[in-house]
Amino acid sequence: MDIAALMTIDDLSLYLKVSRRTIYEWLKHHKIPAVKLVGQWRFQKEKIDSWMVENTKSIN
């Protein structure tokens, strides 16, 4: 895992276009892949992208 490539909550909020509060709710309910390093949440872009694909529902 490349520590420099990890996203912060602010980075993820911008990337997903959701509020920080939404991300904290997802974290609280273990709905999003994350790691906690030195007391701060971090996110791997590849895991977030996979999570988005797995959790996207088709509208058919």
PDB file of N, CA and C in Angstrom:
ATOM      1  N   MET A   1       0.858  -1.177   0.000  1.00  0.00           N
ATOM      2  CA  MET A   1       0.000   0.000   0.000  1.00  0.00           C
ATOM      3  C   MET A   1       0.900   1.234   0.000  1.00  0.00           C
ATOM      4  N   ASP A   2       0.689   2.097  -0.975  1.00  0.00           N
ATOM      5  CA  ASP A   2       1.448   3.344  -1.080  1.00  0.00           C
ATOM      6  C   ASP A   2       0.748   4.409  -0.239  1.00  0.00           C
ATOM      7  N   ILE A   3       1.351   4.745   0.891  1.00  0.00           N
ATOM      8  CA  ILE A   3       0.743   5.709   1.821  1.00  0.00           C
ATOM      9  C   ILE A   3       0.459   7.043   1.137  1.00  0.00           C
ATOM     10  N   ALA A   4       1.357   7.475   0.260  1.00  0.00           N
ATOM     11  CA  ALA A   4       1.183   8.773  -0.411  1.00  0.00           C
ATOM     12  C   ALA A   4      -0.029   8.773  -1.334  1.00  0.00           C
ATOM     13  N   ALA A   5      -0.439   7.595  -1.803  1.00  0.00           N
ATOM     14  CA  ALA A   5      -1.565   7.506  -2.734  1.00  0.00           C
ATOM     15  C   ALA A   5      -2.918   7.416  -2.029  1.00  0.00           C
ATOM     16  N   LEU A   6      -2.925   7.381  -0.717  1.00  0.00           N
ATOM     17  CA  LEU A   6      -4.183   7.275   0.013  1.00  0.00           C
ATOM     18  C   LEU A   6      -4.916   8.610   0.033  1.00  0.00           C
ATOM     19  N   MET A   7      -6.238   8.527  -0.060  1.00  0.00           N
ATOM     20  CA  MET A   7      -7.070   9.729  -0.025  1.00  0.00           C
ATOM     21  C   MET A   7      -7.533  10.006   1.403  1.00  0.00           C
ATOM     22  N   THR A   8      -7.688  11.278   1.707  1.00  0.00           N
ATOM     23  CA  THR A   8      -8.257  11.707   2.985  1.00  0.00           C
ATOM     24  C   THR A   8      -9.781  11.770   2.841  1.00  0.00           C
ATOM     25  N   ILE A   9     -10.454  12.064   3.921  1.00  0.00           N
ATOM     26  CA  ILE A   9     -11.908  12.242   3.861  1.00  0.00           C
ATOM     27  C   ILE A   9     -12.259  13.405   2.936  1.00  0.00           C
ATOM     28  N   ASP A  10     -11.504  14.486   2.999  1.00  0.00           N
ATOM     29  CA  ASP A  10     -11.759  15.621   2.099  1.00  0.00           C
ATOM     30  C   ASP A  10     -11.552  15.227   0.639  1.00  0.00           C
ATOM     31  N   ASP A  11     -10.470  14.487   0.357  1.00  0.00           N
ATOM     32  CA  ASP A  11     -10.211  14.018  -1.009  1.00  0.00           C
ATOM     33  C   ASP A  11     -11.370  13.152  -1.500  1.00  0.00           C
ATOM     34  N   LEU A  12     -11.792  12.225  -0.650  1.00  0.00           N
ATOM     35  CA  LEU A  12     -12.864  11.304  -1.027  1.00  0.00           C
ATOM     36  C   LEU A  12     -14.182  12.039  -1.234  1.00  0.00           C
ATOM     37  N   SER A  13     -14.441  13.017  -0.401  1.00  0.00           N
ATOM     38  CA  SER A  13     -15.651  13.823  -0.529  1.00  0.00           C
ATOM     39  C   SER A  13     -15.706  14.503  -1.901  1.00  0.00           C
ATOM     40  N   LEU A  14     -14.592  15.057  -2.313  1.00  0.00           N
ATOM     41  CA  LEU A  14     -14.527  15.691  -3.639  1.00  0.00           C
ATOM     42  C   LEU A  14     -14.634  14.657  -4.754  1.00  0.00           C
ATOM     43  N   TYR A  15     -13.954  13.533  -4.594  1.00  0.00           N
ATOM     44  CA  TYR A  15     -13.940  12.478  -5.612  1.00  0.00           C
ATOM     45  C   TYR A  15     -15.338  11.899  -5.839  1.00  0.00           C
ATOM     46  N   LEU A  16     -16.058  11.639  -4.755  1.00  0.00           N
ATOM     47  CA  LEU A  16     -17.391  11.033  -4.866  1.00  0.00           C
ATOM     48  C   LEU A  16     -18.517  12.057  -4.950  1.00  0.00           C
ATOM     49  N   LYS A  17     -18.173  13.327  -4.718  1.00  0.00           N
ATOM     50  CA  LYS A  17     -19.170  14.404  -4.727  1.00  0.00           C
ATOM     51  C   LYS A  17     -20.279  14.153  -3.700  1.00  0.00           C
ATOM     52  N   VAL A  18     -19.833  13.794  -2.497  1.00  0.00           N
ATOM     53  CA  VAL A  18     -20.748  13.623  -1.365  1.00  0.00           C
ATOM     54  C   VAL A  18     -20.182  14.414  -0.189  1.00  0.00           C
ATOM     55  N   SER A  19     -20.998  14.649   0.805  1.00  0.00           N
ATOM     56  CA  SER A  19     -20.544  15.424   1.962  1.00  0.00           C
ATOM     57  C   SER A  19     -19.641  14.583   2.867  1.00  0.00           C
ATOM     58  N   ARG A  20     -18.866  15.285   3.661  1.00  0.00           N
ATOM     59  CA  ARG A  20     -18.039  14.618   4.671  1.00  0.00           C
ATOM     60  C   ARG A  20     -18.937  13.841   5.637  1.00  0.00           C
ATOM     61  N   ARG A  21     -20.081  14.415   5.954  1.00  0.00           N
ATOM     62  CA  ARG A  21     -21.024  13.752   6.866  1.00  0.00           C
ATOM     63  C   ARG A  21     -21.462  12.392   6.316  1.00  0.00           C
ATOM     64  N   THR A  22     -21.731  12.334   5.009  1.00  0.00           N
ATOM     65  CA  THR A  22     -22.111  11.068   4.376  1.00  0.00           C
ATOM     66  C   THR A  22     -20.996  10.040   4.534  1.00  0.00           C
ATOM     67  N   ILE A  23     -19.768  10.451   4.310  1.00  0.00           N
ATOM     68  CA  ILE A  23     -18.634   9.534   4.446  1.00  0.00           C
ATOM     69  C   ILE A  23     -18.525   9.038   5.885  1.00  0.00           C
ATOM     70  N   TYR A  24     -18.683   9.938   6.843  1.00  0.00           N
ATOM     71  CA  TYR A  24     -18.631   9.520   8.249  1.00  0.00           C
ATOM     72  C   TYR A  24     -19.760   8.535   8.577  1.00  0.00           C
ATOM     73  N   GLU A  25     -20.928   8.721   8.003  1.00  0.00           N
ATOM     74  CA  GLU A  25     -22.034   7.772   8.211  1.00  0.00           C
ATOM     75  C   GLU A  25     -21.680   6.409   7.624  1.00  0.00           C
ATOM     76  N   TRP A  26     -21.116   6.400   6.417  1.00  0.00           N
ATOM     77  CA  TRP A  26     -20.687   5.138   5.804  1.00  0.00           C
ATOM     78  C   TRP A  26     -19.650   4.445   6.673  1.00  0.00           C
ATOM     79  N   LEU A  27     -18.709   5.211   7.201  1.00  0.00           N
ATOM     80  CA  LEU A  27     -17.682   4.638   8.079  1.00  0.00           C
ATOM     81  C   LEU A  27     -18.309   4.060   9.344  1.00  0.00           C
ATOM     82  N   LYS A  28     -19.223   4.791   9.931  1.00  0.00           N
ATOM     83  CA  LYS A  28     -19.891   4.361  11.162  1.00  0.00           C
ATOM     84  C   LYS A  28     -20.581   3.018  10.973  1.00  0.00           C
ATOM     85  N   HIS A  29     -21.158   2.810   9.784  1.00  0.00           N
ATOM     86  CA  HIS A  29     -21.908   1.586   9.501  1.00  0.00           C
ATOM     87  C   HIS A  29     -21.109   0.583   8.673  1.00  0.00           C
ATOM     88  N   HIS A  30     -19.794   0.802   8.581  1.00  0.00           N
ATOM     89  CA  HIS A  30     -18.881  -0.110   7.872  1.00  0.00           C
ATOM     90  C   HIS A  30     -19.325  -0.369   6.436  1.00  0.00           C
ATOM     91  N   LYS A  31     -19.747   0.670   5.748  1.00  0.00           N
ATOM     92  CA  LYS A  31     -20.254   0.530   4.385  1.00  0.00           C
ATOM     93  C   LYS A  31     -19.218   0.864   3.322  1.00  0.00           C
ATOM     94  N   ILE A  32     -18.043   1.343   3.713  1.00  0.00           N
ATOM     95  CA  ILE A  32     -17.047   1.789   2.747  1.00  0.00           C
ATOM     96  C   ILE A  32     -15.673   1.258   3.173  1.00  0.00           C
ATOM     97  N   PRO A  33     -14.859   0.806   2.205  1.00  0.00           N
ATOM     98  CA  PRO A  33     -13.530   0.298   2.565  1.00  0.00           C
ATOM     99  C   PRO A  33     -12.601   1.431   2.998  1.00  0.00           C
ATOM    100  N   ALA A  34     -12.001   1.265   4.162  1.00  0.00           N
ATOM    101  CA  ALA A  34     -11.132   2.313   4.705  1.00  0.00           C
ATOM    102  C   ALA A  34     -10.125   1.706   5.671  1.00  0.00           C
ATOM    103  N   VAL A  35      -9.066   2.457   5.909  1.00  0.00           N
ATOM    104  CA  VAL A  35      -8.093   2.089   6.936  1.00  0.00           C
ATOM    105  C   VAL A  35      -7.890   3.299   7.830  1.00  0.00           C
ATOM    106  N   LYS A  36      -7.600   3.043   9.075  1.00  0.00           N
ATOM    107  CA  LYS A  36      -7.340   4.144   9.999  1.00  0.00           C
ATOM    108  C   LYS A  36      -5.848   4.136  10.311  1.00  0.00           C
ATOM    109  N   LEU A  37      -5.172   5.216   9.942  1.00  0.00           N
ATOM    110  CA  LEU A  37      -3.742   5.355  10.179  1.00  0.00           C
ATOM    111  C   LEU A  37      -3.502   6.542  11.096  1.00  0.00           C
ATOM    112  N   VAL A  38      -2.851   6.294  12.202  1.00  0.00           N
ATOM    113  CA  VAL A  38      -2.535   7.336  13.181  1.00  0.00           C
ATOM    114  C   VAL A  38      -3.784   8.163  13.509  1.00  0.00           C
ATOM    115  N   GLY A  39      -4.903   7.459  13.691  1.00  0.00           N
ATOM    116  CA  GLY A  39      -6.134   8.117  14.097  1.00  0.00           C
ATOM    117  C   GLY A  39      -6.901   8.830  12.999  1.00  0.00           C
ATOM    118  N   GLN A  40      -6.460   8.691  11.748  1.00  0.00           N
ATOM    119  CA  GLN A  40      -7.159   9.356  10.645  1.00  0.00           C
ATOM    120  C   GLN A  40      -7.556   8.335   9.580  1.00  0.00           C
ATOM    121  N   TRP A  41      -8.765   8.484   9.053  1.00  0.00           N
ATOM    122  CA  TRP A  41      -9.257   7.587   8.018  1.00  0.00           C
ATOM    123  C   TRP A  41      -8.569   7.875   6.695  1.00  0.00           C
ATOM    124  N   ARG A  42      -8.237   6.791   5.973  1.00  0.00           N
ATOM    125  CA  ARG A  42      -7.631   6.899   4.646  1.00  0.00           C
ATOM    126  C   ARG A  42      -8.305   5.888   3.725  1.00  0.00           C
ATOM    127  N   PHE A  43      -8.290   6.197   2.429  1.00  0.00           N
ATOM    128  CA  PHE A  43      -9.005   5.401   1.437  1.00  0.00           C
ATOM    129  C   PHE A  43      -8.113   5.157   0.223  1.00  0.00           C
ATOM    130  N   GLN A  44      -8.114   3.908  -0.274  1.00  0.00           N
ATOM    131  CA  GLN A  44      -7.382   3.578  -1.490  1.00  0.00           C
ATOM    132  C   GLN A  44      -8.319   3.759  -2.678  1.00  0.00           C
ATOM    133  N   LYS A  45      -7.883   4.510  -3.670  1.00  0.00           N
ATOM    134  CA  LYS A  45      -8.725   4.800  -4.831  1.00  0.00           C
ATOM    135  C   LYS A  45      -9.200   3.513  -5.508  1.00  0.00           C
ATOM    136  N   GLU A  46      -8.301   2.540  -5.663  1.00  0.00           N
ATOM    137  CA  GLU A  46      -8.668   1.287  -6.327  1.00  0.00           C
ATOM    138  C   GLU A  46      -9.785   0.563  -5.576  1.00  0.00           C
ATOM    139  N   LYS A  47      -9.705   0.550  -4.255  1.00  0.00           N
ATOM    140  CA  LYS A  47     -10.749  -0.113  -3.459  1.00  0.00           C
ATOM    141  C   LYS A  47     -12.056   0.664  -3.505  1.00  0.00           C
ATOM    142  N   ILE A  48     -11.971   1.981  -3.522  1.00  0.00           N
ATOM    143  CA  ILE A  48     -13.178   2.804  -3.622  1.00  0.00           C
ATOM    144  C   ILE A  48     -13.839   2.582  -4.980  1.00  0.00           C
ATOM    145  N   ASP A  49     -13.037   2.538  -6.044  1.00  0.00           N
ATOM    146  CA  ASP A  49     -13.589   2.299  -7.381  1.00  0.00           C
ATOM    147  C   ASP A  49     -14.286   0.940  -7.449  1.00  0.00           C
ATOM    148  N   SER A  50     -13.664  -0.096  -6.893  1.00  0.00           N
ATOM    149  CA  SER A  50     -14.278  -1.431  -6.868  1.00  0.00           C
ATOM    150  C   SER A  50     -15.556  -1.427  -6.044  1.00  0.00           C
ATOM    151  N   TRP A  51     -15.520  -0.752  -4.900  1.00  0.00           N
ATOM    152  CA  TRP A  51     -16.688  -0.656  -4.027  1.00  0.00           C
ATOM    153  C   TRP A  51     -17.848   0.018  -4.756  1.00  0.00           C
ATOM    154  N   MET A  52     -17.532   1.063  -5.525  1.00  0.00           N
ATOM    155  CA  MET A  52     -18.579   1.770  -6.274  1.00  0.00           C
ATOM    156  C   MET A  52     -19.212   0.851  -7.313  1.00  0.00           C
ATOM    157  N   VAL A  53     -18.399   0.079  -8.027  1.00  0.00           N
ATOM    158  CA  VAL A  53     -18.922  -0.844  -9.042  1.00  0.00           C
ATOM    159  C   VAL A  53     -19.806  -1.902  -8.378  1.00  0.00           C
ATOM    160  N   GLU A  54     -19.331  -2.467  -7.275  1.00  0.00           N
ATOM    161  CA  GLU A  54     -20.079  -3.511  -6.569  1.00  0.00           C
ATOM    162  C   GLU A  54     -21.386  -3.000  -5.976  1.00  0.00           C
ATOM    163  N   ASN A  55     -21.442  -1.730  -5.635  1.00  0.00           N
ATOM    164  CA  ASN A  55     -22.613  -1.182  -4.951  1.00  0.00           C
ATOM    165  C   ASN A  55     -23.492  -0.300  -5.830  1.00  0.00           C
ATOM    166  N   THR A  56     -23.222  -0.301  -7.122  1.00  0.00           N
ATOM    167  CA  THR A  56     -24.047   0.460  -8.053  1.00  0.00           C
ATOM    168  C   THR A  56     -25.184  -0.434  -8.522  1.00  0.00           C
ATOM    169  N   LYS A  57     -26.384   0.079  -8.420  1.00  0.00           N
ATOM    170  CA  LYS A  57     -27.553  -0.696  -8.830  1.00  0.00           C
ATOM    171  C   LYS A  57     -28.009  -0.252 -10.206  1.00  0.00           C
ATOM    172  N   SER A  58     -28.319  -1.225 -11.023  1.00  0.00           N
ATOM    173  CA  SER A  58     -28.800  -0.954 -12.373  1.00  0.00           C
ATOM    174  C   SER A  58     -30.258  -0.498 -12.324  1.00  0.00           C
ATOM    175  N   ILE A  59     -30.587   0.480 -13.154  1.00  0.00           N
ATOM    176  CA  ILE A  59     -31.966   0.969 -13.230  1.00  0.00           C
ATOM    177  C   ILE A  59     -32.566   0.457 -14.539  1.00  0.00           C
ATOM    178  N   ASN A  60     -33.078  -0.749 -14.486  1.00  0.00           N
ATOM    179  CA  ASN A  60     -33.680  -1.345 -15.699  1.00  0.00           C
ATOM    180  C   ASN A  60     -35.084  -1.735 -15.440  1.00  0.00           C
TER     181      ASN A  60
END
